[in-house]
Amino acid sequence: MIAVMEFYTNIPKKQCVVCGNEFEEQHESYATECEHCINIIQADE
């Protein structure tokens, strides 16, 4: 069985589903878009 810290350090960074760039995940956030893309989507609405 792998160590807990090893498990968490091997989780890949989150990628934006719109542009594909990696982004920093916010605590307890289920966002799938980066801030840049969220702003573009909101501006289009």
C-alpha atoms as a PDB file:
ATOM      1  CA  MET A   1       0.000   0.000   0.000  1.00  0.00           C
ATOM      2  CA  ILE A   2       1.334   3.462  -0.889  1.00  0.00           C
ATOM      3  CA  ALA A   3       1.851   6.143   1.718  1.00  0.00           C
ATOM      4  CA  VAL A   4      -0.834   8.803   2.013  1.00  0.00           C
ATOM      5  CA  MET A   5       1.546  11.661   1.159  1.00  0.00           C
ATOM      6  CA  GLU A   6       2.819   9.786  -1.898  1.00  0.00           C
ATOM      7  CA  PHE A   7      -0.756   9.374  -3.107  1.00  0.00           C
ATOM      8  CA  TYR A   8      -1.523  13.084  -2.804  1.00  0.00           C
ATOM      9  CA  THR A   9       1.742  14.220  -4.395  1.00  0.00           C
ATOM     10  CA  ASN A  10       1.085  12.023  -7.433  1.00  0.00           C
ATOM     11  CA  ILE A  11      -2.372  13.467  -8.208  1.00  0.00           C
ATOM     12  CA  PRO A  12      -2.095  15.342 -11.524  1.00  0.00           C
ATOM     13  CA  LYS A  13      -2.776  19.082 -11.636  1.00  0.00           C
ATOM     14  CA  LYS A  14      -6.225  20.160 -12.716  1.00  0.00           C
ATOM     15  CA  GLN A  15      -6.620  21.151 -16.379  1.00  0.00           C
ATOM     16  CA  CYS A  16      -9.118  23.615 -17.813  1.00  0.00           C
ATOM     17  CA  VAL A  17     -11.692  21.819 -19.965  1.00  0.00           C
ATOM     18  CA  VAL A  18     -11.900  24.832 -22.305  1.00  0.00           C
ATOM     19  CA  CYS A  19      -8.271  25.788 -23.032  1.00  0.00           C
ATOM     20  CA  GLY A  20      -6.352  22.842 -21.536  1.00  0.00           C
ATOM     21  CA  ASN A  21      -4.070  24.948 -19.331  1.00  0.00           C
ATOM     22  CA  GLU A  22      -3.233  23.719 -15.856  1.00  0.00           C
ATOM     23  CA  PHE A  23      -4.698  25.830 -13.064  1.00  0.00           C
ATOM     24  CA  GLU A  24      -4.440  26.125  -9.321  1.00  0.00           C
ATOM     25  CA  GLU A  25      -7.410  24.422  -7.732  1.00  0.00           C
ATOM     26  CA  GLN A  26      -9.276  26.346  -5.079  1.00  0.00           C
ATOM     27  CA  HIS A  27     -10.059  24.658  -1.767  1.00  0.00           C
ATOM     28  CA  GLU A  28     -13.312  22.692  -2.040  1.00  0.00           C
ATOM     29  CA  SER A  29     -13.906  23.899  -5.589  1.00  0.00           C
ATOM     30  CA  TYR A  30     -15.411  21.805  -8.351  1.00  0.00           C
ATOM     31  CA  ALA A  31     -14.546  24.307 -11.085  1.00  0.00           C
ATOM     32  CA  THR A  32     -13.454  22.752 -14.367  1.00  0.00           C
ATOM     33  CA  GLU A  33     -12.476  26.005 -16.107  1.00  0.00           C
ATOM     34  CA  CYS A  34      -9.581  28.350 -15.323  1.00  0.00           C
ATOM     35  CA  GLU A  35     -10.325  31.922 -14.219  1.00  0.00           C
ATOM     36  CA  HIS A  36      -9.496  33.293 -17.661  1.00  0.00           C
ATOM     37  CA  CYS A  37     -12.022  31.041 -19.401  1.00  0.00           C
ATOM     38  CA  ILE A  38     -14.661  31.604 -16.703  1.00  0.00           C
ATOM     39  CA  ASN A  39     -14.375  35.357 -17.330  1.00  0.00           C
ATOM     40  CA  ILE A  40     -14.767  34.837 -21.090  1.00  0.00           C
ATOM     41  CA  ILE A  41     -17.803  32.579 -20.601  1.00  0.00           C
ATOM     42  CA  GLN A  42     -19.428  35.082 -18.209  1.00  0.00           C
ATOM     43  CA  ALA A  43     -18.769  37.972 -20.615  1.00  0.00           C
ATOM     44  CA  ASP A  44     -20.533  36.063 -23.413  1.00  0.00           C
ATOM     45  CA  GLU A  45     -23.709  35.595 -21.333  1.00  0.00           C
END
